[in-house]
Amino acid sequence: MNKKNILIVFLVLLVLIEIFLIKPHHPEFFWQKIKGFPVLLGLAGGILLMIFAKSLGRFFLYRSEDYYTKAGEDNSK
């Protein structure tokens, strides 16, 4: 990364810190009072989505080792 890219990333991080940590907000619900709750909620949702997608893949796509060569078949030509 060159110096220009590092400066841009640093400025974006500063803006995000100002928006989420320094700027006061008035929560409407109790979970909005917890610092970092949206981040944790997004992380948990992402992990659950990966687990759900993996289980769907195993259910619909997984085949046994002898799926293409059934027992008792002679595949030699």
Protein backbone atom coordinates (compact mmCIF):
# COMPACT_ATOMS: atom_id res chain seq x y z
CA MET A 1 0.00 0.00 0.00
CA ASN A 2 1.26 3.42 -0.80
CA LYS A 3 1.02 6.46 1.46
CA LYS A 4 -2.14 7.78 -0.22
CA ASN A 5 -4.07 4.57 0.48
CA ILE A 6 -2.89 4.48 4.08
CA LEU A 7 -4.02 8.08 4.56
CA ILE A 8 -7.46 7.32 3.10
CA VAL A 9 -7.93 4.28 5.37
CA PHE A 10 -6.82 6.31 8.39
CA LEU A 11 -9.28 9.10 7.59
CA VAL A 12 -12.14 6.65 7.12
CA LEU A 13 -11.33 5.06 10.48
CA LEU A 14 -11.33 8.47 12.16
CA VAL A 15 -14.72 9.33 10.68
CA LEU A 16 -16.17 5.98 11.79
CA ILE A 17 -14.81 6.43 15.30
CA GLU A 18 -16.37 9.89 15.46
CA ILE A 19 -19.74 8.66 14.19
CA PHE A 20 -20.08 5.58 16.39
CA LEU A 21 -18.16 6.35 19.57
CA ILE A 22 -17.96 10.10 20.11
CA LYS A 23 -21.22 11.41 18.65
CA PRO A 24 -23.94 11.20 21.33
CA HIS A 25 -27.15 9.45 20.43
CA HIS A 26 -30.45 9.02 22.21
CA PRO A 27 -31.35 5.34 22.37
CA GLU A 28 -34.97 4.32 22.09
CA PHE A 29 -34.53 0.70 23.18
CA PHE A 30 -32.38 -0.83 25.91
CA TRP A 31 -30.10 -2.71 23.49
CA GLN A 32 -29.18 0.55 21.78
CA LYS A 33 -27.50 1.63 25.03
CA ILE A 34 -24.92 -1.17 24.72
CA LYS A 35 -21.75 0.06 23.02
CA GLY A 36 -20.86 -2.06 20.01
CA PHE A 37 -24.17 -3.93 19.97
CA PRO A 38 -24.70 -3.51 16.20
CA VAL A 39 -21.24 -4.95 15.59
CA LEU A 40 -21.92 -7.96 17.80
CA LEU A 41 -25.35 -8.47 16.25
CA GLY A 42 -23.84 -8.39 12.76
CA LEU A 43 -21.11 -10.83 13.78
CA ALA A 44 -23.60 -13.26 15.32
CA GLY A 45 -25.88 -12.98 12.29
CA GLY A 46 -22.98 -13.67 9.94
CA ILE A 47 -21.87 -16.71 11.91
CA LEU A 48 -25.42 -18.08 12.03
CA LEU A 49 -25.81 -17.49 8.30
CA MET A 50 -22.61 -19.44 7.58
CA ILE A 51 -23.72 -22.32 9.80
CA PHE A 52 -27.15 -22.39 8.14
CA ALA A 53 -25.66 -22.30 4.63
CA LYS A 54 -23.20 -25.08 5.48
CA SER A 55 -25.95 -27.29 6.87
CA LEU A 56 -28.09 -26.71 3.78
CA GLY A 57 -25.12 -27.58 1.59
CA ARG A 58 -24.51 -30.78 3.49
CA PHE A 59 -28.17 -31.74 3.31
CA PHE A 60 -28.67 -31.09 -0.40
CA LEU A 61 -25.19 -31.57 -1.88
CA TYR A 62 -23.42 -34.20 0.21
CA ARG A 63 -23.11 -37.65 -1.33
CA SER A 64 -21.53 -40.79 0.03
CA GLU A 65 -18.11 -41.90 -1.22
CA ASP A 66 -19.55 -44.65 -3.41
CA TYR A 67 -22.27 -42.50 -4.95
CA TYR A 68 -20.91 -42.87 -8.47
CA THR A 69 -19.65 -46.43 -8.05
CA LYS A 70 -22.46 -48.39 -6.47
CA ALA A 71 -21.62 -51.66 -4.73
CA GLY A 72 -21.62 -54.64 -7.04
CA GLU A 73 -21.23 -52.73 -10.28
CA ASP A 74 -18.32 -53.43 -12.59
CA ASN A 75 -17.06 -50.16 -14.02
CA SER A 76 -14.00 -51.56 -15.79
CA LYS A 77 -14.05 -51.22 -19.56
